[in-house]
């Protein structure tokens, strides 16, 4: 909901490598039809129409489609539209879905996101999209009992900042969201046994002061070796208290502890964007962003106490023109307990003329490597890369994937990209474009802080395979936008 902008906007751009000459950009219509590519690397856009059949022929093709479309096996990179905004209330923007988070456990992948974005904060409700078969098929819906648009309705006119976790000890999926009104705001925990049937939410904490809370994140300790296995932690910024705070649940999110404070805010109140992860020994590490520093706070006693703020690395970054895109970290832990953090930063350039995706890691939760620039491609003279969604494979070590947005040199179009590494960032795969058609800025939901795809996006591994989830816009239909949730299900590893 609230977000801190840190630097003056500068005209910066991103680009994904263009397809070879003679490749085609092919666009489906509202009808059901056959879309056939060429022997080059084509981009085929088929989402939002009837049931299409897509054949790609040669080249490395990029496809965006609906789950009901029939995409041939010769189509290499396929992203499916797994959800779209179902609401029509007149005071928010439709169709708009933004800010996805995801989590996987076994063959189940659960995504959550905002549906029906308001210009001045929050959304009509929180949505979900779930696969229980390793990404082969998808179901989607909206959470009950969160906002007045939920079925059944909840207490709050708006909600924001959804994140998802799984508690393996209690067998419960949880989506945390922030419900708010002019009179109150609350951290809400929606629970599910299978990721598709959701209960009316539990209130973890409530404030009678508007806009006290912001940017919650939820994580559960599923490590067999941890003395705190079965704990779940909810971390967020408490602007009334002026600190990060953390709540702990020992019963699968039914009840929550009193908030435990950790670092105090900087003088300008910019500390935000916290993301907690748990190491195999039960150490809880919360990484967060400040105005000039990436920092952390650590608990070694199951969330009972926390260390003071500890600097990780200086942050230096520029705002992306026209976009709401802060340098909040995306943080994950691999099977060996190594923690990785990715964020957008211009400090790896000789001149701070645009942001790159950078990566740092820690093998003990306390000492961090110097950030490296992730080789997402493009010229550093005119490209900008932002909003990374980092994933670490929970079944192995050093296998990472990062989805990210890229603004083209014109400053008027945005693509989605992905890059992976199997050795913790020593070597990387070739950057891969995920969007078959670039987004124009006029297709994206507007907010008081800029155009919005989300303060965060996400990637999760299932069966050793990464599944990026991101907001992608198509040309508006009449006065309605068409910004929806997509998951890449084929063609990256």
Protein backbone atom coordinates (compact mmCIF):
# COMPACT_ATOMS: atom_id res chain seq x y z
CA UNK A 1 0.00 0.00 0.00
CA UNK A 2 2.40 2.73 1.16
CA UNK A 3 5.72 2.72 -0.62
CA UNK A 4 8.82 4.86 -0.19
CA UNK A 5 10.37 6.44 -3.29
CA UNK A 6 14.05 7.01 -2.80
CA UNK A 7 15.57 8.97 -5.70
CA UNK A 8 14.72 11.52 -8.34
CA UNK A 9 13.28 9.98 -11.48
CA UNK A 10 15.73 9.75 -14.36
CA UNK A 11 15.03 8.57 -17.91
CA UNK A 12 16.35 4.99 -17.88
CA UNK A 13 15.54 2.05 -20.05
CA UNK A 14 15.65 -1.73 -20.41
CA UNK A 15 15.68 -4.07 -23.36
CA UNK A 16 15.47 -7.75 -24.10
CA UNK A 17 17.39 -8.90 -27.13
CA UNK A 18 15.21 -8.56 -30.21
CA UNK A 19 14.16 -11.59 -32.20
CA UNK A 20 16.13 -12.39 -35.36
CA UNK A 21 15.22 -10.65 -38.60
CA UNK A 22 12.08 -11.92 -40.34
CA UNK A 23 10.59 -13.33 -37.16
CA UNK A 24 6.94 -12.44 -36.76
CA UNK A 25 4.84 -10.91 -34.03
CA UNK A 26 1.49 -12.72 -34.31
CA UNK A 27 -1.58 -11.51 -32.40
CA UNK A 28 -4.73 -13.50 -31.79
CA UNK A 29 -8.20 -11.94 -31.83
CA UNK A 30 -11.32 -12.48 -29.73
CA UNK A 31 -12.23 -15.47 -31.92
CA UNK A 32 -11.05 -19.05 -31.62
CA UNK A 33 -8.44 -19.51 -34.33
CA UNK A 34 -5.32 -21.26 -35.56
CA UNK A 35 -2.12 -19.25 -35.08
CA UNK A 36 0.90 -20.54 -37.00
CA UNK A 37 4.43 -19.24 -36.66
CA UNK A 38 7.35 -19.27 -39.06
CA UNK A 39 10.73 -20.99 -39.00
CA UNK A 40 12.13 -18.00 -37.11
CA UNK A 41 11.90 -17.01 -33.44
CA UNK A 42 8.33 -15.70 -33.36
CA UNK A 43 6.31 -14.00 -30.63
CA UNK A 44 2.71 -15.21 -30.55
CA UNK A 45 0.11 -13.51 -28.34
CA UNK A 46 -3.06 -15.55 -27.85
CA UNK A 47 -4.43 -14.72 -24.39
CA UNK A 48 -7.87 -13.25 -23.85
CA UNK A 49 -9.70 -14.64 -26.88
CA UNK A 50 -11.42 -17.91 -27.70
CA UNK A 51 -9.82 -21.34 -27.53
CA UNK A 52 -6.88 -21.03 -29.91
CA UNK A 53 -4.57 -23.61 -31.48
CA UNK A 54 -0.95 -22.50 -31.72
CA UNK A 55 1.76 -24.06 -33.88
CA UNK A 56 5.26 -22.61 -33.84
CA UNK A 57 7.44 -24.46 -36.38
CA UNK A 58 11.15 -23.47 -36.17
CA UNK A 59 13.05 -20.97 -34.05
CA UNK A 60 12.83 -20.31 -30.32
CA UNK A 61 9.31 -18.94 -30.00
CA UNK A 62 7.75 -16.97 -27.12
CA UNK A 63 4.04 -17.56 -26.46
CA UNK A 64 1.50 -15.98 -24.11
CA UNK A 65 -1.79 -17.87 -24.01
CA UNK A 66 -4.74 -18.97 -21.91
CA UNK A 67 -4.71 -22.33 -20.10
CA UNK A 68 -7.50 -23.52 -22.42
CA UNK A 69 -5.50 -22.80 -25.59
CA UNK A 70 -3.86 -25.73 -27.38
CA UNK A 71 -0.15 -24.93 -27.59
CA UNK A 72 1.89 -27.34 -29.71
CA UNK A 73 5.01 -29.05 -28.37
CA UNK A 74 7.20 -27.14 -30.85
CA UNK A 75 6.49 -23.85 -28.98
CA UNK A 76 9.48 -23.33 -26.71
CA UNK A 77 8.68 -20.60 -24.12
CA UNK A 78 5.07 -20.54 -22.93
CA UNK A 79 3.48 -18.25 -20.33
CA UNK A 80 -0.16 -18.80 -19.37
CA UNK A 81 -2.69 -16.24 -18.15
CA UNK A 82 -3.74 -18.03 -14.94
CA UNK A 83 -6.09 -15.33 -13.60
CA UNK A 84 -7.76 -12.05 -14.47
CA UNK A 85 -9.60 -9.39 -12.46
CA UNK A 86 -13.24 -10.46 -11.92
CA UNK A 87 -14.48 -7.24 -10.28
CA UNK A 88 -16.41 -4.32 -11.75
CA UNK A 89 -16.79 -1.82 -8.88
CA UNK A 90 -16.58 1.69 -10.31
CA UNK A 91 -14.04 3.17 -7.87
CA UNK A 92 -11.04 0.97 -8.77
CA UNK A 93 -9.31 0.18 -12.07
CA UNK A 94 -10.35 -2.89 -14.08
CA UNK A 95 -9.20 -5.26 -15.33
CA UNK A 96 -6.06 -5.01 -13.23
CA UNK A 97 -4.05 -7.61 -11.31
CA UNK A 98 -0.69 -6.64 -9.82
CA UNK A 99 1.96 -7.58 -7.24
CA UNK A 100 2.18 -11.39 -7.20
CA UNK A 101 3.91 -13.58 -4.66
CA UNK A 102 4.24 -17.36 -4.93
CA UNK A 103 5.36 -20.37 -2.94
CA UNK A 104 5.72 -24.04 -3.79
CA UNK A 105 5.77 -27.22 -1.73
CA UNK A 106 5.99 -30.58 -3.43
CA UNK A 107 3.95 -30.39 -6.63
CA UNK A 108 1.72 -27.55 -5.40
CA UNK A 109 2.38 -23.93 -6.45
CA UNK A 110 0.24 -21.16 -4.95
CA UNK A 111 0.25 -17.61 -6.33
CA UNK A 112 -1.49 -14.61 -4.78
CA UNK A 113 -1.95 -11.04 -6.05
CA UNK A 114 -4.09 -7.90 -5.96
CA UNK A 115 -7.25 -7.72 -8.11
CA UNK A 116 -8.88 -4.40 -9.01
CA UNK A 117 -6.16 -1.88 -8.15
CA UNK A 118 -7.09 1.54 -6.70
CA UNK A 119 -5.15 4.62 -7.75
CA UNK A 120 -4.55 5.76 -4.16
CA UNK A 121 -3.80 2.40 -2.55
CA UNK A 122 -4.93 -1.21 -2.27
CA UNK A 123 -7.26 -3.33 -4.36
CA UNK A 124 -10.81 -4.69 -4.49
CA UNK A 125 -9.62 -8.08 -3.18
CA UNK A 126 -6.78 -10.58 -3.13
CA UNK A 127 -6.76 -13.30 -5.79
CA UNK A 128 -5.09 -16.71 -5.98
CA UNK A 129 -4.02 -19.13 -8.71
CA UNK A 130 -2.91 -22.65 -7.79
CA UNK A 131 -1.48 -25.70 -9.51
CA UNK A 132 -1.48 -29.00 -7.61
CA UNK A 133 0.24 -30.98 -10.39
CA UNK A 134 3.55 -29.18 -10.84
CA UNK A 135 2.29 -26.43 -13.14
CA UNK A 136 0.38 -28.60 -15.64
CA UNK A 137 -3.09 -27.26 -14.78
CA UNK A 138 -4.31 -24.20 -12.85
CA UNK A 139 -7.31 -23.11 -10.80
CA UNK A 140 -7.95 -19.54 -9.66
CA UNK A 141 -10.29 -17.50 -7.50
CA UNK A 142 -10.59 -14.74 -4.92
CA UNK A 143 -10.17 -14.89 -1.16
CA UNK A 144 -13.32 -14.93 1.00
CA UNK A 145 -13.94 -12.57 3.91
CA UNK A 146 -11.14 -10.06 3.16
CA UNK A 147 -12.89 -7.02 1.61
CA UNK A 148 -16.46 -5.90 1.04
CA UNK A 149 -16.20 -7.40 -2.46
CA UNK A 150 -15.28 -10.88 -1.15
CA UNK A 151 -17.85 -13.67 -1.00
CA UNK A 152 -18.74 -13.68 1.84
CA UNK A 153 -17.79 -10.02 2.38
CA UNK A 154 -15.13 -8.96 4.86
CA UNK A 155 -14.74 -5.92 7.09
CA UNK A 156 -12.46 -3.82 4.91
CA UNK A 157 -13.13 -1.79 1.75
CA UNK A 158 -9.61 -2.49 0.40
CA UNK A 159 -6.69 -4.88 0.79
CA UNK A 160 -3.08 -4.97 -0.34
CA UNK A 161 0.38 -6.60 -0.17
CA UNK A 162 -0.47 -10.34 -0.44
CA UNK A 163 2.20 -12.95 0.31
CA UNK A 164 1.97 -16.74 0.64
CA UNK A 165 3.68 -19.48 2.70
CA UNK A 166 3.20 -23.15 3.55
CA UNK A 167 3.43 -24.71 7.01
CA UNK A 168 4.49 -28.33 6.44
CA UNK A 169 4.10 -29.28 10.11
CA UNK A 170 0.43 -28.31 10.25
CA UNK A 171 -0.31 -28.90 6.54
CA UNK A 172 -1.64 -25.38 5.98
CA UNK A 173 -1.23 -22.85 3.18
CA UNK A 174 -1.45 -19.22 4.32
CA UNK A 175 -1.94 -15.97 2.42
CA UNK A 176 -1.21 -12.85 4.43
CA UNK A 177 -2.82 -9.60 3.31
CA UNK A 178 -3.32 -6.10 4.67
CA UNK A 179 -6.96 -5.08 5.04
CA UNK A 180 -7.60 -1.40 5.64
CA UNK A 181 -10.16 1.38 5.89
CA UNK A 182 -9.96 5.06 6.94
CA UNK A 183 -10.52 3.91 10.54
CA UNK A 184 -8.39 0.78 10.88
CA UNK A 185 -5.98 -1.65 9.30
CA UNK A 186 -5.22 -5.29 10.04
CA UNK A 187 -2.95 -8.15 9.08
CA UNK A 188 -5.22 -10.94 7.79
CA UNK A 189 -4.26 -14.62 7.46
CA UNK A 190 -6.28 -16.72 4.99
CA UNK A 191 -5.77 -20.47 5.52
CA UNK A 192 -6.20 -23.48 3.21
CA UNK A 193 -5.44 -27.18 3.39
CA UNK A 194 -4.95 -27.59 -0.37
CA UNK A 195 -4.29 -24.10 -1.79
CA UNK A 196 -7.66 -23.96 -3.54
CA UNK A 197 -10.31 -23.84 -0.77
CA UNK A 198 -9.72 -20.85 1.51
CA UNK A 199 -11.20 -20.03 4.92
CA UNK A 200 -12.39 -16.62 6.09
CA UNK A 201 -9.22 -14.96 7.40
CA UNK A 202 -7.87 -14.84 10.94
CA UNK A 203 -6.91 -11.38 12.19
CA UNK A 204 -3.28 -11.60 13.33
CA UNK A 205 -3.14 -7.98 14.52
CA UNK A 206 -5.31 -4.88 14.11
CA UNK A 207 -4.70 -1.16 14.55
CA UNK A 208 -7.37 1.49 14.96
CA UNK A 209 -5.05 4.04 13.33
CA UNK A 210 -5.16 4.26 9.55
CA UNK A 211 -1.98 3.34 7.67
CA UNK A 212 -0.03 2.09 10.69
CA UNK A 213 1.06 -1.15 8.95
CA UNK A 214 2.71 -1.85 5.61
CA UNK A 215 4.43 -4.50 3.48
CA UNK A 216 3.94 -7.69 5.46
CA UNK A 217 5.74 -10.91 4.55
CA UNK A 218 5.06 -14.43 5.82
CA UNK A 219 7.39 -17.45 6.08
CA UNK A 220 7.25 -20.81 7.86
CA UNK A 221 10.05 -22.93 9.34
CA UNK A 222 9.80 -26.29 7.53
CA UNK A 223 13.35 -27.50 8.24
CA UNK A 224 13.55 -30.97 9.81
CA UNK A 225 16.76 -29.92 11.59
CA UNK A 226 15.32 -26.75 13.14
CA UNK A 227 14.42 -26.59 16.85
CA UNK A 228 11.64 -24.19 15.86
CA UNK A 229 10.13 -26.31 13.08
CA UNK A 230 6.44 -25.44 12.72
CA UNK A 231 6.85 -21.76 13.61
CA UNK A 232 5.46 -19.26 11.11
CA UNK A 233 6.57 -15.63 11.12
CA UNK A 234 4.75 -12.51 9.93
CA UNK A 235 6.99 -9.46 9.52
CA UNK A 236 5.94 -5.92 8.55
CA UNK A 237 6.65 -2.21 8.99
CA UNK A 238 4.78 -0.59 11.89
CA UNK A 239 4.81 3.12 11.16
CA UNK A 240 3.05 3.96 14.42
CA UNK A 241 5.83 2.25 16.40
CA UNK A 242 8.54 3.30 13.97
CA UNK A 243 10.01 -0.21 13.75
CA UNK A 244 9.86 -3.50 11.95
CA UNK A 245 7.81 -5.97 13.98
CA UNK A 246 7.35 -9.74 13.83
CA UNK A 247 4.51 -11.98 15.00
CA UNK A 248 4.90 -15.74 15.50
CA UNK A 249 2.35 -18.55 15.16
CA UNK A 250 2.86 -22.05 16.56
CA UNK A 251 -0.45 -23.52 15.34
CA UNK A 252 -0.62 -23.04 11.58
CA UNK A 253 -1.73 -19.41 11.65
CA UNK A 254 -4.75 -19.80 13.93
CA UNK A 255 -3.26 -17.64 16.69
CA UNK A 256 -0.40 -15.15 16.68
CA UNK A 257 1.91 -13.73 19.32
CA UNK A 258 2.19 -10.14 20.37
CA UNK A 259 4.43 -8.15 18.00
CA UNK A 260 8.15 -8.26 18.75
CA UNK A 261 10.01 -5.13 17.56
CA UNK A 262 13.33 -5.22 15.78
CA UNK A 263 15.19 -2.34 14.07
CA UNK A 264 13.99 1.22 14.47
CA UNK A 265 13.35 3.21 11.32
CA UNK A 266 15.86 5.64 9.94
CA UNK A 267 15.16 9.30 10.60
CA UNK A 268 13.26 9.63 7.33
CA UNK A 269 11.10 6.55 8.02
CA UNK A 270 12.26 4.76 4.88
CA UNK A 271 12.90 1.27 6.32
CA UNK A 272 10.51 -1.08 4.50
CA UNK A 273 10.24 -4.02 2.13
CA UNK A 274 11.26 -6.63 4.70
CA UNK A 275 11.53 -10.29 3.66
CA UNK A 276 12.16 -13.06 6.23
CA UNK A 277 13.81 -16.43 5.52
CA UNK A 278 14.68 -19.33 7.82
CA UNK A 279 17.94 -21.30 7.76
CA UNK A 280 18.18 -25.06 8.57
CA UNK A 281 19.29 -24.33 12.16
CA UNK A 282 16.15 -22.25 12.77
CA UNK A 283 17.86 -18.86 12.42
CA UNK A 284 15.31 -16.28 11.25
CA UNK A 285 16.92 -13.63 9.03
CA UNK A 286 14.91 -10.57 7.96
CA UNK A 287 16.40 -8.56 5.10
CA UNK A 288 14.99 -5.09 4.46
CA UNK A 289 15.60 -1.94 2.46
CA UNK A 290 16.41 1.55 3.73
CA UNK A 291 17.08 4.75 1.84
CA UNK A 292 20.79 4.11 1.43
CA UNK A 293 21.36 0.64 2.91
CA UNK A 294 20.25 -2.95 2.63
CA UNK A 295 20.14 -4.31 6.18
CA UNK A 296 19.13 -7.29 8.26
CA UNK A 297 17.93 -8.28 11.71
CA UNK A 298 18.31 -11.81 13.08
CA UNK A 299 16.52 -14.00 15.63
CA UNK A 300 18.09 -17.21 16.95
CA UNK A 301 15.36 -17.98 19.50
CA UNK A 302 12.30 -18.56 17.33
CA UNK A 303 11.24 -14.91 17.00
CA UNK A 304 11.34 -14.09 20.72
CA UNK A 305 14.11 -11.47 20.31
CA UNK A 306 15.98 -9.81 17.45
CA UNK A 307 19.35 -8.19 16.91
CA UNK A 308 19.74 -4.52 16.18
CA UNK A 309 19.91 -3.39 12.58
CA UNK A 310 23.00 -4.68 10.79
CA UNK A 311 24.09 -3.13 7.47
CA UNK A 312 24.59 -5.55 4.57
CA UNK A 313 25.56 -3.22 1.73
CA UNK A 314 25.03 0.34 0.57
CA UNK A 315 22.16 0.83 -1.89
CA UNK A 316 22.39 3.19 -4.83
CA UNK A 317 19.57 3.24 -7.33
CA UNK A 318 17.38 5.39 -9.55
CA UNK A 319 13.65 5.37 -9.99
CA UNK A 320 12.35 3.81 -13.20
CA UNK A 321 10.64 6.50 -15.31
CA UNK A 322 6.86 6.57 -14.83
CA UNK A 323 6.93 3.28 -12.86
CA UNK A 324 6.28 2.42 -9.24
CA UNK A 325 9.42 0.35 -8.75
CA UNK A 326 11.41 0.50 -5.52
CA UNK A 327 14.62 -1.37 -4.69
CA UNK A 328 13.03 -3.77 -2.22
CA UNK A 329 15.02 -7.01 -1.93
CA UNK A 330 13.80 -10.41 -3.11
CA UNK A 331 15.22 -12.97 -0.66
CA UNK A 332 15.36 -16.79 -0.73
CA UNK A 333 17.24 -19.67 0.92
CA UNK A 334 18.47 -22.83 -0.83
CA UNK A 335 18.65 -26.43 0.42
CA UNK A 336 22.10 -25.86 1.94
CA UNK A 337 20.92 -22.86 3.97
CA UNK A 338 22.62 -20.23 1.81
CA UNK A 339 20.59 -17.02 1.67
CA UNK A 340 20.41 -15.01 -1.56
CA UNK A 341 19.13 -11.46 -2.01
CA UNK A 342 18.46 -9.71 -5.32
CA UNK A 343 17.46 -6.09 -5.90
CA UNK A 344 17.82 -3.35 -8.51
CA UNK A 345 20.85 -1.10 -8.07
CA UNK A 346 23.03 1.20 -10.19
CA UNK A 347 26.14 0.89 -8.04
CA UNK A 348 27.84 -1.65 -10.32
CA UNK A 349 28.09 0.92 -13.13
CA UNK A 350 30.88 3.44 -13.58
CA UNK A 351 28.19 6.11 -13.73
CA UNK A 352 24.86 5.60 -11.97
CA UNK A 353 22.85 5.99 -15.17
CA UNK A 354 20.41 3.09 -14.73
CA UNK A 355 19.56 0.11 -12.57
CA UNK A 356 20.75 -3.48 -12.93
CA UNK A 357 19.69 -6.58 -11.03
CA UNK A 358 22.37 -7.39 -8.44
CA UNK A 359 22.82 -10.47 -6.24
CA UNK A 360 24.46 -11.05 -2.84
CA UNK A 361 24.61 -14.22 -0.74
CA UNK A 362 25.32 -15.36 2.82
CA UNK A 363 26.21 -18.88 3.96
CA UNK A 364 25.68 -18.11 7.67
CA UNK A 365 23.04 -15.35 7.71
CA UNK A 366 25.55 -12.86 9.09
CA UNK A 367 28.26 -12.27 6.49
CA UNK A 368 27.37 -11.31 2.93
CA UNK A 369 29.24 -11.42 -0.36
CA UNK A 370 29.90 -8.29 -2.40
CA UNK A 371 26.98 -7.76 -4.80
CA UNK A 372 27.49 -8.90 -8.38
CA UNK A 373 25.66 -7.62 -11.45
CA UNK A 374 23.35 -10.26 -12.90
CA UNK A 375 24.07 -10.39 -16.68
CA UNK A 376 20.57 -9.68 -17.90
CA UNK A 377 21.92 -8.35 -21.21
CA UNK A 378 21.54 -5.06 -23.00
CA UNK A 379 23.73 -1.98 -23.02
CA UNK A 380 24.30 -0.31 -19.66
CA UNK A 381 24.08 3.02 -21.46
CA UNK A 382 20.34 2.88 -22.01
CA UNK A 383 18.77 -0.15 -20.31
CA UNK A 384 17.10 -0.51 -16.89
CA UNK A 385 16.23 -3.75 -15.10
CA UNK A 386 13.91 -3.73 -12.11
CA UNK A 387 11.66 -5.64 -9.69
CA UNK A 388 13.45 -9.01 -9.50
CA UNK A 389 11.52 -12.09 -8.41
CA UNK A 390 14.19 -14.44 -7.05
CA UNK A 391 13.78 -18.18 -6.42
CA UNK A 392 16.13 -20.78 -4.91
CA UNK A 393 15.47 -24.44 -5.60
CA UNK A 394 14.50 -25.98 -2.23
CA UNK A 395 15.68 -29.44 -3.34
CA UNK A 396 19.30 -28.54 -4.08
CA UNK A 397 21.89 -25.85 -3.55
CA UNK A 398 22.96 -22.92 -5.74
CA UNK A 399 20.17 -23.38 -8.31
CA UNK A 400 18.54 -19.94 -8.72
CA UNK A 401 16.11 -18.24 -11.06
CA UNK A 402 15.25 -14.54 -11.38
CA UNK A 403 12.31 -13.01 -13.23
CA UNK A 404 12.47 -9.26 -13.81
CA UNK A 405 11.03 -6.36 -15.77
CA UNK A 406 12.93 -4.54 -18.51
CA UNK A 407 12.21 -1.14 -20.02
CA UNK A 408 13.12 -0.73 -23.67
CA UNK A 409 15.36 2.17 -24.78
CA UNK A 410 12.35 4.18 -25.98
CA UNK A 411 11.12 4.45 -22.40
CA UNK A 412 7.62 3.54 -23.59
CA UNK A 413 7.53 -0.28 -23.52
CA UNK A 414 8.32 -2.94 -20.92
CA UNK A 415 9.17 -6.63 -21.30
CA UNK A 416 9.50 -9.47 -18.82
CA UNK A 417 12.71 -11.49 -18.67
CA UNK A 418 14.22 -14.47 -16.85
CA UNK A 419 17.75 -15.64 -16.11
CA UNK A 420 19.03 -18.66 -14.16
CA UNK A 421 22.16 -20.07 -12.59
CA UNK A 422 23.07 -23.53 -11.29
CA UNK A 423 26.23 -22.50 -9.45
CA UNK A 424 25.06 -19.67 -7.21
CA UNK A 425 25.79 -16.93 -9.72
CA UNK A 426 29.24 -17.85 -11.05
CA UNK A 427 27.77 -18.58 -14.47
CA UNK A 428 24.34 -17.76 -15.88
CA UNK A 429 22.00 -18.94 -18.59
CA UNK A 430 21.27 -16.66 -21.51
CA UNK A 431 18.56 -14.09 -20.63
CA UNK A 432 15.16 -15.24 -21.86
CA UNK A 433 12.26 -13.03 -22.83
CA UNK A 434 8.92 -14.16 -21.35
CA UNK A 435 6.53 -11.56 -22.80
CA UNK A 436 5.41 -12.17 -26.38
CA UNK A 437 4.36 -8.54 -26.73
CA UNK A 438 5.93 -5.57 -24.91
CA UNK A 439 3.66 -3.66 -22.54
CA UNK A 440 3.00 -0.03 -23.38
CA UNK A 441 2.87 2.26 -20.38
CA UNK A 442 -0.73 3.27 -21.15
CA UNK A 443 -1.79 -0.37 -20.60
CA UNK A 444 -0.63 -0.47 -16.95
CA UNK A 445 -2.59 0.38 -13.77
CA UNK A 446 -1.92 3.89 -12.47
CA UNK A 447 -1.21 4.72 -8.83
CA UNK A 448 -0.28 7.87 -6.93
CA UNK A 449 3.34 6.61 -6.93
CA UNK A 450 3.56 5.62 -10.59
CA UNK A 451 2.37 2.91 -12.96
CA UNK A 452 2.13 -0.46 -11.22
CA UNK A 453 3.01 -4.02 -12.01
CA UNK A 454 3.82 -4.55 -8.33
CA UNK A 455 6.29 -3.64 -5.61
CA UNK A 456 7.35 -7.27 -6.03
CA UNK A 457 6.95 -10.23 -8.40
CA UNK A 458 7.95 -13.85 -7.80
CA UNK A 459 9.47 -17.11 -8.97
CA UNK A 460 9.10 -20.54 -7.31
CA UNK A 461 10.67 -23.92 -8.08
CA UNK A 462 8.65 -27.14 -8.32
CA UNK A 463 10.22 -30.41 -9.38
CA UNK A 464 13.50 -28.62 -10.11
CA UNK A 465 11.80 -26.26 -12.58
CA UNK A 466 11.30 -22.49 -12.08
CA UNK A 467 7.84 -20.95 -12.42
CA UNK A 468 7.97 -17.13 -12.74
CA UNK A 469 4.72 -15.30 -11.96
CA UNK A 470 4.25 -11.72 -13.13
CA UNK A 471 1.72 -9.08 -14.14
CA UNK A 472 1.46 -8.61 -17.90
CA UNK A 473 -0.76 -6.17 -19.78
CA UNK A 474 -2.50 -6.48 -23.13
CA UNK A 475 -4.07 -3.60 -25.12
CA UNK A 476 -7.09 -2.17 -23.26
CA UNK A 477 -10.58 -3.14 -24.32
CA UNK A 478 -12.63 0.03 -24.50
CA UNK A 479 -12.13 1.83 -21.18
CA UNK A 480 -11.02 -1.34 -19.41
CA UNK A 481 -7.38 -2.27 -18.91
CA UNK A 482 -6.27 -5.90 -19.35
CA UNK A 483 -3.50 -6.43 -16.81
CA UNK A 484 -3.52 -10.04 -15.60
CA UNK A 485 -1.45 -12.74 -13.90
CA UNK A 486 0.83 -14.97 -15.97
CA UNK A 487 3.00 -17.96 -15.08
CA UNK A 488 5.75 -19.28 -17.34
CA UNK A 489 5.19 -23.02 -17.52
CA UNK A 490 7.52 -24.08 -20.35
CA UNK A 491 10.92 -23.27 -21.77
CA UNK A 492 13.13 -22.13 -18.88
CA UNK A 493 15.22 -24.05 -16.37
